[in-house]
Amino acid sequence: MVKSFKAVIVLLLLSFCLWFLQPVIHVWAEPASESVSESSDSEEKENGEETEEKEESVKPETNDDGLEMPTLNSKSILLLDRDSGKVLYSRNPDKKMEPASLTKIVTCLIAVEAIEAGTISEDEKVEASKHCMDGLDEESSSTGIVPGERLTMKDLLYCALLGSAGEACNIIAESLAGNISDFVEAMNERVLDLGCTGTHFVNTHGMPANDHYSTASDMMLISAEAMSHPLFAEICNTVSYTVPSTNKSDERIVYNSNALICSQGIYGGNFLYSYAAGIKTGHTAAAGYCLSSTAEKDGVRLMCVVMGGGTSIRDDMATDFQNFSDTIHLYDWAFENYSYYTILHSEDLVKEISLLYAPSDDSTVTLHPEKDISVLLPSNVNPEDFEMRISLYEENPAAPVDADEAMGDITVTLNGVDYGKAKLLTTSSVDVSQSQILKAQLRKAFGHTWIWLLLLIILIFILLYAFLVINYRRKRQRQLQRKRQQAQARVQQKTQQARSQMAPKTGKMRDYDSSGRPKDPNADKHDYFEEFFRNEEKMNKKHR
């Protein structure tokens, strides 16, 4: 009886539960199945979209040379070849970012330039004022310099670049400009001179502040200028430096915060890179992890700026600082995929040109490049594909020329892009030939049409003049001949008249000579006696 009663109660309770849960069951049964299928479809779509997005994000990027680029994490990156200026990798290079302690590159650059200019000596001691901690807090990097402490300018540069000491930057600023604000103004002017258009500073050390920003492109310009100064390059590539004891402190060792070259710094020894040199690290919560550095291998010299890097945990449970890991990945990728090739050698004979006014047996000269032209090429380019474009300064150069005289330029090109340029120099000297100059001048003179017309006119005048002269002389001779004939006729006529007049008186005709004069009748008579006496007299005179 009791058991049957309990069974009835259980059945009633089950019926009540089923009646109460009927709407829920109904929703679960039919509509729920639709919603589940819809949701599953939407989830599939979402998953599909996510998969597509992942596939797109995973799709490798390529640079301008068509090379697949490595996958990196930092927000702004720029990698370039230092010798050619060719950009090999870039990501948001012109995005304004917090530069953190990369700011100190500019501070130390101005100090190094002041030392080079003689404004201050690197051994001159500078006293830290009460303003040396302006803008800094307990999280700022420091080498423990306190107000009233006296250090040399060289010690301050090592503290700022190796230990990233913000107080050292403020001390440098006050020693050079008198106050920090004037020095910051000088920093902004200096970066403008370098061509930086996306940079503005409000302090010397890079702690976060409104209107304090820079870009990877600008930091590349700043870093390149800084590394061109030997003192700066020497300091930033130093692993550790011992600061001598001062009036406020015993000697202290400062380790370089750049983990690419120093394993004893704050970032440990997991990022040493044997090809690296310099330049400066930077980090704040707002800026992330930043690094400006250089590396060289097999003649390829690179410079890299990384800004906005984060951190992650590696497989070995060590912390991965992405400013270092991204930089190392970039350097390895570049060294693996790029090499320098000498496309043109300075001893190559590239062109032979003819010279005006040169001797006929030495009328040409050969040209060679002033220097080698080496080009950074990706692994997918054949050096033999390059073309040479030659441009001469003069279309028709003239002698004399000296050996190694520049006569033009040669440019190495590939697909319309110029990769290198050099002057073309003569391999030997060539003297001038005066006879060739004369020939050239005559050819030039007679090359004009008006000269030939003038000569033709002159020739016509000469021929006409000769004709007139000859014709005149002929007429003159004929006139003279007629006059002589007339004169002879008159003489003969007079002779005849004279003969006719004398003939009746003597009854004898007189003889006349060829000129018409009467001959002497005694001319043919010879007096022998007179001749004998003249000879006798000559003989007597001779014997006397």
Protein backbone atom coordinates (compact mmCIF):
# COMPACT_ATOMS: atom_id res chain seq x y z
CA MET A 1 0.00 0.00 0.00
CA VAL A 2 2.75 2.39 0.93
CA LYS A 3 4.80 1.39 -2.09
CA SER A 4 1.89 2.00 -4.45
CA PHE A 5 1.27 5.32 -2.80
CA LYS A 6 4.92 6.34 -3.31
CA ALA A 7 4.73 5.31 -6.95
CA VAL A 8 1.69 7.48 -7.48
CA ILE A 9 3.40 10.45 -5.88
CA VAL A 10 6.49 9.97 -8.12
CA LEU A 11 4.30 9.80 -11.20
CA LEU A 12 2.46 12.95 -10.18
CA LEU A 13 5.77 14.75 -9.63
CA LEU A 14 7.09 13.62 -13.02
CA SER A 15 3.88 14.73 -14.72
CA PHE A 16 4.10 18.10 -13.02
CA CYS A 17 7.76 18.50 -14.10
CA LEU A 18 6.95 17.55 -17.67
CA TRP A 19 4.04 19.98 -17.76
CA PHE A 20 6.21 22.75 -16.28
CA LEU A 21 9.11 22.11 -18.62
CA GLN A 22 7.01 21.65 -21.75
CA PRO A 23 7.70 25.14 -23.23
CA VAL A 24 11.38 24.70 -22.62
CA ILE A 25 11.39 21.25 -24.17
CA HIS A 26 9.43 22.60 -27.11
CA VAL A 27 12.00 25.33 -27.63
CA TRP A 28 14.83 22.83 -27.33
CA ALA A 29 13.19 20.37 -29.65
CA GLU A 30 12.11 22.02 -32.85
CA PRO A 31 13.03 25.72 -32.80
CA ALA A 32 16.22 25.01 -30.97
CA SER A 33 17.30 22.65 -33.68
CA GLU A 34 16.83 25.38 -36.24
CA SER A 35 18.65 27.89 -34.11
CA VAL A 36 21.39 25.41 -33.48
CA SER A 37 21.73 24.76 -37.17
CA GLU A 38 21.64 28.48 -37.84
CA SER A 39 24.15 29.14 -35.13
CA SER A 40 26.28 26.30 -36.41
CA ASP A 41 26.03 27.80 -39.89
CA SER A 42 26.94 31.23 -38.56
CA GLU A 43 29.75 29.72 -36.57
CA GLU A 44 30.97 27.95 -39.68
CA LYS A 45 30.75 31.22 -41.58
CA GLU A 46 32.54 33.05 -38.80
CA ASN A 47 35.09 30.31 -38.58
CA GLY A 48 35.43 30.43 -42.34
CA GLU A 49 35.91 34.17 -42.27
CA GLU A 50 38.39 33.85 -39.45
CA THR A 51 40.17 31.15 -41.40
CA GLU A 52 40.26 33.38 -44.47
CA GLU A 53 41.47 36.28 -42.35
CA LYS A 54 44.11 34.05 -40.82
CA GLU A 55 45.09 32.82 -44.24
CA GLU A 56 45.34 36.41 -45.44
CA SER A 57 47.32 37.42 -42.39
CA VAL A 58 49.56 34.39 -42.75
CA LYS A 59 50.10 35.12 -46.45
CA PRO A 60 53.75 36.15 -46.72
CA GLU A 61 54.59 39.70 -47.66
CA THR A 62 57.16 40.60 -50.30
CA ASN A 63 59.36 43.65 -50.58
CA ASP A 64 60.09 45.76 -53.67
CA ASP A 65 62.60 43.16 -54.86
CA GLY A 66 60.00 40.41 -54.78
CA LEU A 67 61.57 38.65 -51.79
CA GLU A 68 59.40 37.05 -49.13
CA MET A 69 59.81 39.05 -45.93
CA PRO A 70 60.04 37.60 -42.42
CA THR A 71 57.10 37.74 -40.01
CA LEU A 72 57.77 40.37 -37.35
CA ASN A 73 55.89 41.83 -34.41
CA SER A 74 57.00 45.42 -33.79
CA LYS A 75 54.71 48.23 -34.89
CA SER A 76 57.18 50.36 -36.85
CA ILE A 77 60.27 48.97 -38.58
CA LEU A 78 62.78 50.20 -41.14
CA LEU A 79 65.80 48.34 -42.53
CA LEU A 80 68.15 49.80 -45.11
CA ASP A 81 71.54 49.30 -46.70
CA ARG A 82 73.90 51.94 -45.33
CA ASP A 83 76.01 52.29 -48.46
CA SER A 84 73.32 52.62 -51.11
CA GLY A 85 70.45 53.86 -48.90
CA LYS A 86 68.24 51.15 -50.38
CA VAL A 87 65.26 50.24 -48.18
CA LEU A 88 65.07 46.47 -47.75
CA TYR A 89 62.16 46.26 -45.32
CA SER A 90 59.67 48.76 -43.96
CA ARG A 91 56.54 48.74 -41.83
CA ASN A 92 54.84 52.01 -40.93
CA PRO A 93 58.15 53.91 -41.24
CA ASP A 94 56.46 57.32 -41.09
CA LYS A 95 54.06 56.60 -38.26
CA LYS A 96 54.55 58.92 -35.28
CA MET A 97 55.68 56.87 -32.32
CA GLU A 98 56.96 57.36 -28.78
CA PRO A 99 60.77 57.25 -29.24
CA ALA A 100 61.61 56.58 -25.56
CA SER A 101 65.39 56.60 -24.99
CA LEU A 102 66.15 56.80 -28.70
CA THR A 103 65.78 60.50 -27.93
CA LYS A 104 69.16 60.34 -26.24
CA ILE A 105 70.83 59.77 -29.63
CA VAL A 106 70.08 63.39 -30.52
CA THR A 107 71.21 64.67 -27.11
CA CYS A 108 74.56 62.90 -27.40
CA LEU A 109 74.95 63.81 -31.09
CA ILE A 110 74.80 67.52 -30.23
CA ALA A 111 77.31 66.98 -27.42
CA VAL A 112 79.73 65.13 -29.73
CA GLU A 113 79.45 67.89 -32.33
CA ALA A 114 80.22 70.47 -29.62
CA ILE A 115 83.36 68.51 -28.69
CA GLU A 116 84.42 68.34 -32.33
CA ALA A 117 83.83 72.08 -32.73
CA GLY A 118 85.94 72.83 -29.65
CA THR A 119 83.05 74.34 -27.72
CA ILE A 120 83.76 71.95 -24.87
CA SER A 121 86.40 69.31 -24.16
CA GLU A 122 85.49 65.70 -23.53
CA ASP A 123 87.69 65.88 -20.42
CA GLU A 124 86.04 69.02 -19.05
CA LYS A 125 84.23 68.34 -15.78
CA VAL A 126 80.60 69.31 -15.44
CA GLU A 127 78.66 69.62 -12.20
CA ALA A 128 75.16 68.20 -11.95
CA SER A 129 72.60 70.79 -10.88
CA LYS A 130 69.36 70.30 -8.98
CA HIS A 131 67.58 70.14 -12.37
CA CYS A 132 69.35 66.96 -13.44
CA MET A 133 66.32 64.87 -12.40
CA ASP A 134 63.72 67.04 -14.21
CA GLY A 135 61.14 64.95 -16.02
CA LEU A 136 62.40 61.67 -14.53
CA ASP A 137 60.77 59.31 -12.07
CA GLU A 138 61.68 56.15 -10.18
CA GLU A 139 61.16 54.03 -13.31
CA SER A 140 63.64 56.07 -15.39
CA SER A 141 66.98 54.53 -16.29
CA SER A 142 69.80 55.96 -14.22
CA THR A 143 73.47 55.52 -13.41
CA GLY A 144 73.09 57.10 -9.97
CA ILE A 145 74.38 60.61 -10.70
CA VAL A 146 73.22 63.05 -8.01
CA PRO A 147 73.08 66.86 -7.81
CA GLY A 148 76.48 68.35 -7.01
CA GLU A 149 78.39 65.45 -8.53
CA ARG A 150 81.12 66.36 -11.02
CA LEU A 151 81.85 64.20 -14.08
CA THR A 152 83.65 64.76 -17.36
CA MET A 153 81.66 65.24 -20.55
CA LYS A 154 83.05 61.92 -21.80
CA ASP A 155 81.76 60.12 -18.66
CA LEU A 156 78.34 61.68 -19.16
CA LEU A 157 78.19 60.46 -22.77
CA TYR A 158 79.00 56.90 -21.69
CA CYS A 159 76.36 57.05 -18.94
CA ALA A 160 73.75 58.35 -21.41
CA LEU A 161 74.44 55.94 -24.29
CA LEU A 162 75.35 52.76 -22.39
CA GLY A 163 73.38 53.06 -19.17
CA SER A 164 70.61 55.19 -20.75
CA ALA A 165 70.92 57.65 -17.85
CA GLY A 166 68.29 60.37 -18.16
CA GLU A 167 70.02 62.56 -15.56
CA ALA A 168 73.21 62.51 -17.68
CA CYS A 169 71.22 63.94 -20.62
CA ASN A 170 69.88 66.81 -18.50
CA ILE A 171 73.40 67.58 -17.24
CA ILE A 172 74.72 67.63 -20.82
CA ALA A 173 71.91 69.97 -21.84
CA GLU A 174 72.56 72.47 -19.06
CA SER A 175 76.33 72.45 -19.64
CA LEU A 176 75.96 73.25 -23.35
CA ALA A 177 72.90 75.51 -23.52
CA GLY A 178 72.65 76.93 -19.98
CA ASN A 179 69.23 75.37 -19.43
CA ILE A 180 67.28 72.33 -20.55
CA SER A 181 64.55 74.11 -22.52
CA ASP A 182 67.02 75.95 -24.76
CA PHE A 183 68.85 72.70 -25.40
CA VAL A 184 65.61 70.95 -26.37
CA GLU A 185 64.95 73.75 -28.84
CA ALA A 186 68.42 73.14 -30.29
CA MET A 187 67.55 69.42 -30.57
CA ASN A 188 64.47 70.21 -32.65
CA GLU A 189 66.44 72.56 -34.89
CA ARG A 190 69.14 69.95 -35.41
CA VAL A 191 66.73 67.22 -36.53
CA LEU A 192 65.05 69.65 -38.91
CA ASP A 193 68.47 70.26 -40.45
CA LEU A 194 68.75 66.50 -40.98
CA GLY A 195 65.44 66.45 -42.88
CA CYS A 196 63.28 64.99 -40.12
CA THR A 197 59.67 66.02 -40.70
CA GLY A 198 57.89 63.71 -38.23
CA THR A 199 59.84 64.43 -35.05
CA HIS A 200 59.40 66.81 -32.12
CA PHE A 201 61.02 66.69 -28.70
CA VAL A 202 60.06 68.23 -25.37
CA ASN A 203 62.80 66.68 -23.22
CA THR A 204 66.34 65.34 -23.53
CA HIS A 205 65.79 61.76 -22.36
CA GLY A 206 62.59 60.45 -24.00
CA MET A 207 60.28 59.96 -21.03
CA PRO A 208 56.62 60.09 -22.19
CA ALA A 209 55.30 63.61 -22.68
CA ASN A 210 52.72 65.34 -24.80
CA ASP A 211 54.04 66.40 -28.21
CA HIS A 212 57.11 64.20 -27.86
CA TYR A 213 57.31 61.85 -30.86
CA SER A 214 59.35 60.60 -33.79
CA THR A 215 59.23 58.09 -36.65
CA ALA A 216 61.37 55.17 -37.74
CA SER A 217 62.33 57.10 -40.89
CA ASP A 218 63.49 60.11 -38.88
CA MET A 219 65.32 57.94 -36.37
CA MET A 220 67.13 56.33 -39.28
CA LEU A 221 68.34 59.76 -40.44
CA ILE A 222 69.36 60.71 -36.90
CA SER A 223 71.17 57.41 -36.29
CA ALA A 224 73.03 57.60 -39.61
CA GLU A 225 74.27 61.10 -38.81
CA ALA A 226 75.29 60.11 -35.28
CA MET A 227 77.23 57.06 -36.49
CA SER A 228 79.19 59.23 -38.94
CA HIS A 229 80.98 60.77 -35.93
CA PRO A 230 83.83 58.50 -34.74
CA LEU A 231 83.48 59.42 -31.04
CA PHE A 232 79.76 58.65 -31.03
CA ALA A 233 80.28 55.33 -32.87
CA GLU A 234 83.04 54.34 -30.45
CA ILE A 235 80.97 55.06 -27.34
CA CYS A 236 77.72 53.40 -28.43
CA ASN A 237 79.56 50.23 -29.44
CA THR A 238 81.34 49.86 -26.10
CA VAL A 239 80.20 46.85 -24.07
CA SER A 240 81.01 48.32 -20.66
CA TYR A 241 82.63 51.44 -19.23
CA THR A 242 84.13 52.20 -15.84
CA VAL A 243 83.19 55.65 -14.61
CA PRO A 244 86.03 56.93 -12.38
CA SER A 245 85.28 57.88 -8.80
CA THR A 246 83.85 61.35 -8.30
CA ASN A 247 83.31 63.75 -5.41
CA LYS A 248 80.03 61.94 -4.70
CA SER A 249 80.60 58.32 -5.72
CA ASP A 250 83.13 55.54 -6.01
CA GLU A 251 83.93 54.24 -9.47
CA ARG A 252 81.06 52.40 -11.13
CA ILE A 253 80.77 50.05 -14.09
CA VAL A 254 78.14 50.89 -16.70
CA TYR A 255 77.00 48.07 -19.01
CA ASN A 256 75.53 48.68 -22.42
CA SER A 257 71.77 48.12 -22.48
CA ASN A 258 72.02 46.90 -26.08
CA ALA A 259 71.66 43.12 -25.75
CA LEU A 260 72.91 42.62 -29.32
CA ILE A 261 76.45 43.46 -28.16
CA CYS A 262 76.33 43.07 -24.36
CA SER A 263 75.17 40.03 -22.37
CA GLN A 264 75.53 41.73 -18.97
CA GLY A 265 72.94 44.44 -19.50
CA ILE A 266 69.38 44.58 -18.21
CA TYR A 267 68.04 42.37 -21.04
CA GLY A 268 70.36 39.42 -20.44
CA GLY A 269 72.47 37.41 -22.83
CA ASN A 270 69.94 35.74 -25.11
CA PHE A 271 70.24 38.20 -27.99
CA LEU A 272 73.95 38.51 -28.69
CA TYR A 273 74.56 39.07 -32.41
CA SER A 274 78.14 38.85 -33.60
CA TYR A 275 77.65 41.15 -36.61
CA ALA A 276 75.98 44.00 -34.65
CA ALA A 277 77.37 47.37 -33.60
CA GLY A 278 75.57 50.09 -31.58
CA ILE A 279 73.40 52.09 -31.36
CA LYS A 280 70.75 52.67 -28.65
CA THR A 281 67.85 50.96 -26.90
CA GLY A 282 64.66 52.54 -25.62
CA HIS A 283 61.69 51.49 -23.55
CA THR A 284 58.70 52.95 -21.76
CA ALA A 285 55.26 51.48 -21.18
CA ALA A 286 53.87 53.88 -23.80
CA ALA A 287 56.65 53.42 -26.37
CA GLY A 288 57.18 49.69 -26.06
CA TYR A 289 60.61 48.30 -26.81
CA CYS A 290 62.71 50.26 -29.31
CA LEU A 291 66.15 49.72 -30.83
CA SER A 292 68.40 51.45 -33.33
CA SER A 293 71.32 49.31 -34.46
CA THR A 294 73.76 48.43 -37.24
CA ALA A 295 75.24 45.17 -38.51
CA GLU A 296 77.84 44.21 -41.10
CA LYS A 297 78.62 40.91 -42.80
CA ASP A 298 80.50 40.06 -46.01
CA GLY A 299 80.63 43.69 -47.08
CA VAL A 300 76.90 44.30 -46.56
CA ARG A 301 76.36 47.12 -44.03
CA LEU A 302 72.84 47.44 -42.62
CA MET A 303 71.02 49.78 -40.27
CA CYS A 304 67.74 48.95 -38.56
CA VAL A 305 65.25 50.91 -36.47
CA VAL A 306 62.53 49.06 -34.54
CA MET A 307 59.86 50.90 -32.54
CA GLY A 308 56.83 49.69 -30.62
CA GLY A 309 58.00 46.17 -29.91
CA GLY A 310 56.38 43.97 -27.29
CA THR A 311 57.36 40.93 -25.24
CA SER A 312 56.43 37.26 -25.24
CA ILE A 313 57.52 34.03 -23.52
CA ARG A 314 59.76 31.80 -25.57
CA ASP A 315 59.74 28.01 -25.57
CA ASP A 316 62.60 27.99 -23.10
CA MET A 317 60.45 30.20 -20.79
CA ALA A 318 62.77 33.18 -21.32
CA THR A 319 61.32 36.58 -22.14
CA ASP A 320 61.47 37.53 -25.79
CA PHE A 321 62.03 41.26 -26.24
CA GLN A 322 60.79 41.86 -29.76
CA ASN A 323 62.97 44.87 -30.46
CA PHE A 324 65.96 42.50 -30.36
CA SER A 325 64.37 39.40 -31.88
CA ASP A 326 62.79 41.34 -34.76
CA THR A 327 66.09 43.04 -35.48
CA ILE A 328 68.01 39.75 -35.50
CA HIS A 329 65.43 38.13 -37.80
CA LEU A 330 65.71 41.07 -40.19
CA TYR A 331 69.50 41.00 -40.24
CA ASP A 332 69.60 37.23 -40.85
CA TRP A 333 67.03 37.55 -43.63
CA ALA A 334 68.92 40.40 -45.32
CA PHE A 335 72.34 38.74 -45.10
CA GLU A 336 70.86 35.53 -46.53
CA ASN A 337 69.07 37.21 -49.43
CA TYR A 338 71.29 40.14 -50.39
CA SER A 339 74.88 40.38 -51.59
CA TYR A 340 77.09 43.02 -53.17
CA TYR A 341 78.21 42.43 -56.74
CA THR A 342 80.76 44.50 -58.64
CA ILE A 343 78.97 45.21 -61.91
CA LEU A 344 81.70 47.46 -63.30
CA HIS A 345 85.42 47.61 -62.46
CA SER A 346 87.56 50.72 -62.63
CA GLU A 347 89.99 49.05 -65.04
CA ASP A 348 87.27 48.08 -67.54
CA LEU A 349 87.63 49.76 -70.95
CA VAL A 350 84.08 50.70 -71.83
CA LYS A 351 84.28 53.04 -74.82
CA GLU A 352 86.64 54.43 -77.45
CA ILE A 353 85.94 57.94 -78.75
CA SER A 354 87.38 60.00 -81.61
CA LEU A 355 88.99 63.37 -80.91
CA LEU A 356 88.91 66.44 -83.08
CA TYR A 357 92.26 68.07 -83.94
CA ALA A 358 94.19 64.94 -82.91
CA PRO A 359 97.03 63.47 -85.01
CA SER A 360 95.80 61.07 -87.68
CA ASP A 361 97.77 58.19 -86.13
CA ASP A 362 96.49 58.89 -82.61
CA SER A 363 92.99 60.25 -83.10
CA THR A 364 91.12 58.14 -80.50
CA VAL A 365 91.19 57.70 -76.73
CA THR A 366 89.72 54.94 -74.54
CA LEU A 367 87.58 55.61 -71.47
CA HIS A 368 87.39 53.70 -68.18
CA PRO A 369 85.25 54.16 -65.02
CA GLU A 370 86.68 56.31 -62.24
CA LYS A 371 85.71 53.68 -59.64
CA ASP A 372 84.14 50.28 -59.20
CA ILE A 373 80.35 50.19 -59.23
CA SER A 374 79.10 47.64 -56.72
CA VAL A 375 75.40 46.96 -56.34
CA LEU A 376 73.43 45.33 -53.54
CA LEU A 377 71.36 42.67 -55.28
CA PRO A 378 68.69 40.27 -54.07
CA SER A 379 69.22 36.58 -54.69
CA ASN A 380 66.61 36.56 -57.46
CA VAL A 381 68.51 39.00 -59.73
CA ASN A 382 71.25 38.07 -62.21
CA PRO A 383 74.11 40.60 -62.28
CA GLU A 384 74.50 39.99 -66.02
CA ASP A 385 71.08 41.56 -66.63
CA PHE A 386 72.41 45.05 -65.91
CA GLU A 387 72.81 47.60 -68.70
CA MET A 388 75.32 50.44 -69.09
CA ARG A 389 74.19 53.94 -70.10
CA ILE A 390 76.98 56.26 -71.28
CA SER A 391 76.64 60.03 -71.60
CA LEU A 392 79.51 62.20 -72.85
CA TYR A 393 79.97 65.78 -71.70
CA GLU A 394 80.67 66.80 -75.33
CA GLU A 395 79.37 65.14 -78.48
CA ASN A 396 82.61 65.89 -80.37
CA PRO A 397 85.44 66.29 -77.85
CA ALA A 398 88.63 67.89 -79.08
CA ALA A 399 92.32 67.37 -78.41
CA PRO A 400 94.36 67.97 -76.39
CA VAL A 401 93.25 65.77 -73.48
CA ASP A 402 95.15 64.66 -70.40
CA ALA A 403 95.24 61.19 -68.90
CA ASP A 404 92.44 60.59 -66.35
CA GLU A 405 90.47 63.53 -67.67
CA ALA A 406 86.71 63.20 -67.15
CA MET A 407 84.89 62.95 -70.48
CA GLY A 408 81.47 61.68 -69.40
CA ASP A 409 79.46 59.45 -67.07
CA ILE A 410 78.43 55.81 -67.05
CA THR A 411 75.30 54.63 -65.22
CA VAL A 412 74.43 51.04 -64.30
CA THR A 413 70.71 50.36 -64.78
CA LEU A 414 68.27 47.50 -64.45
CA ASN A 415 64.66 47.69 -65.64
CA GLY A 416 64.91 51.46 -65.87
CA VAL A 417 66.25 51.88 -62.31
CA ASP A 418 69.67 53.47 -61.75
CA TYR A 419 71.87 51.46 -59.38
CA GLY A 420 75.20 53.26 -59.64
CA LYS A 421 77.09 55.98 -61.48
CA ALA A 422 80.75 56.82 -62.16
CA LYS A 423 82.75 59.30 -64.20
CA LEU A 424 84.46 58.12 -67.37
CA LEU A 425 88.18 58.97 -67.49
CA THR A 426 90.67 58.88 -70.35
CA THR A 427 93.31 56.14 -70.25
CA SER A 428 96.01 58.30 -71.89
CA SER A 429 96.84 61.81 -73.04
CA VAL A 430 96.49 62.98 -76.66
CA ASP A 431 98.22 66.08 -78.09
CA VAL A 432 96.72 68.51 -80.57
CA SER A 433 97.75 68.60 -84.25
CA GLN A 434 97.98 72.05 -85.87
CA SER A 435 97.59 70.59 -89.36
CA GLN A 436 94.41 68.85 -88.25
CA ILE A 437 93.14 72.13 -86.82
CA LEU A 438 93.80 73.83 -90.19
CA LYS A 439 92.09 71.04 -92.09
CA ALA A 440 89.15 71.15 -89.74
CA GLN A 441 88.87 74.91 -90.08
CA LEU A 442 88.98 74.67 -93.86
CA ARG A 443 86.39 71.92 -93.85
CA LYS A 444 84.27 74.00 -91.59
CA ALA A 445 84.69 77.09 -93.69
CA PHE A 446 83.94 75.35 -96.97
CA GLY A 447 81.06 73.56 -95.47
CA HIS A 448 78.92 76.69 -95.78
CA THR A 449 76.88 77.23 -98.97
CA TRP A 450 77.41 80.97 -98.97
CA ILE A 451 81.19 80.40 -99.14
CA TRP A 452 80.80 78.41 -102.32
CA LEU A 453 78.50 81.05 -103.79
CA LEU A 454 81.03 83.74 -102.97
CA LEU A 455 83.86 81.74 -104.54
CA LEU A 456 81.75 81.16 -107.65
CA ILE A 457 81.04 84.88 -107.95
CA ILE A 458 84.75 85.68 -107.51
CA LEU A 459 85.68 83.09 -110.14
CA ILE A 460 83.16 84.59 -112.56
CA PHE A 461 84.60 88.05 -111.98
CA ILE A 462 88.16 86.72 -112.52
CA LEU A 463 87.22 85.01 -115.76
CA LEU A 464 85.35 88.06 -116.96
CA TYR A 465 88.28 90.29 -116.06
CA ALA A 466 90.73 87.97 -117.87
CA PHE A 467 88.48 87.94 -120.92
CA LEU A 468 88.29 91.70 -120.96
CA VAL A 469 92.06 92.08 -120.49
CA ILE A 470 92.90 89.59 -123.26
CA ASN A 471 90.38 91.16 -125.60
CA TYR A 472 91.76 94.62 -124.86
CA ARG A 473 95.34 93.52 -125.51
CA ARG A 474 94.39 91.92 -128.79
CA LYS A 475 92.67 95.09 -129.96
CA ARG A 476 95.66 97.17 -128.80
CA GLN A 477 98.12 95.00 -130.70
CA ARG A 478 96.04 95.26 -133.82
CA GLN A 479 95.90 99.06 -133.45
CA LEU A 480 99.69 99.28 -132.93
CA GLN A 481 100.31 97.01 -135.91
CA ARG A 482 98.11 99.21 -138.11
CA LYS A 483 99.96 102.31 -136.91
CA ARG A 484 103.36 100.75 -137.70
CA GLN A 485 102.18 99.72 -141.14
CA GLN A 486 100.85 103.21 -141.76
CA ALA A 487 104.14 104.76 -140.61
CA GLN A 488 106.19 102.47 -142.86
CA ALA A 489 103.91 103.32 -145.75
CA ARG A 490 104.41 107.02 -145.14
CA VAL A 491 108.24 106.59 -144.96
CA GLN A 492 108.28 104.64 -148.21
CA GLN A 493 106.10 107.24 -149.82
CA LYS A 494 108.45 110.04 -148.76
CA THR A 495 111.46 108.04 -149.95
CA GLN A 496 109.94 107.55 -153.29
CA GLN A 497 109.19 111.25 -153.51
CA ALA A 498 112.77 112.16 -152.58
CA ARG A 499 114.20 109.83 -155.21
CA SER A 500 111.97 111.18 -157.82
CA GLN A 501 113.05 114.75 -156.97
CA MET A 502 116.86 114.02 -157.15
CA ALA A 503 116.91 111.93 -160.29
CA PRO A 504 116.69 114.80 -162.93
CA LYS A 505 119.66 116.81 -161.43
CA THR A 506 122.35 114.13 -161.34
CA GLY A 507 120.97 111.79 -163.85
CA LYS A 508 121.83 109.10 -161.43
CA MET A 509 119.78 107.51 -158.83
CA ARG A 510 121.17 107.61 -155.27
CA ASP A 511 121.32 104.52 -153.18
CA TYR A 512 119.51 104.44 -149.92
CA ASP A 513 120.01 102.21 -146.91
CA SER A 514 117.28 100.15 -145.24
CA SER A 515 116.19 103.12 -143.15
CA GLY A 516 115.63 105.24 -146.22
CA ARG A 517 118.76 107.41 -145.79
CA PRO A 518 121.04 107.98 -148.88
CA LYS A 519 124.22 105.97 -148.76
CA ASP A 520 127.73 107.68 -148.74
CA PRO A 521 129.26 107.16 -152.20
CA ASN A 522 132.73 106.98 -150.64
CA ALA A 523 131.77 104.52 -147.99
CA ASP A 524 132.99 101.52 -149.96
CA LYS A 525 136.39 103.09 -150.89
CA HIS A 526 139.46 101.75 -148.92
CA ASP A 527 142.72 103.93 -148.33
CA TYR A 528 145.52 101.38 -148.04
CA PHE A 529 148.35 103.97 -147.53
CA GLU A 530 146.63 105.50 -144.55
CA GLU A 531 146.10 102.08 -143.03
CA PHE A 532 149.84 101.21 -143.53
CA PHE A 533 151.08 104.32 -141.75
CA ARG A 534 148.65 103.76 -138.81
CA ASN A 535 150.02 100.23 -138.35
CA GLU A 536 153.65 101.43 -138.47
CA GLU A 537 152.95 104.01 -135.83
CA LYS A 538 151.34 101.40 -133.51
CA MET A 539 154.39 99.12 -133.89
CA ASN A 540 156.84 101.91 -133.06
CA LYS A 541 154.89 102.82 -129.91
CA LYS A 542 154.93 99.21 -128.87
CA HIS A 543 158.75 98.91 -129.15
CA ARG A 544 159.39 102.08 -127.28
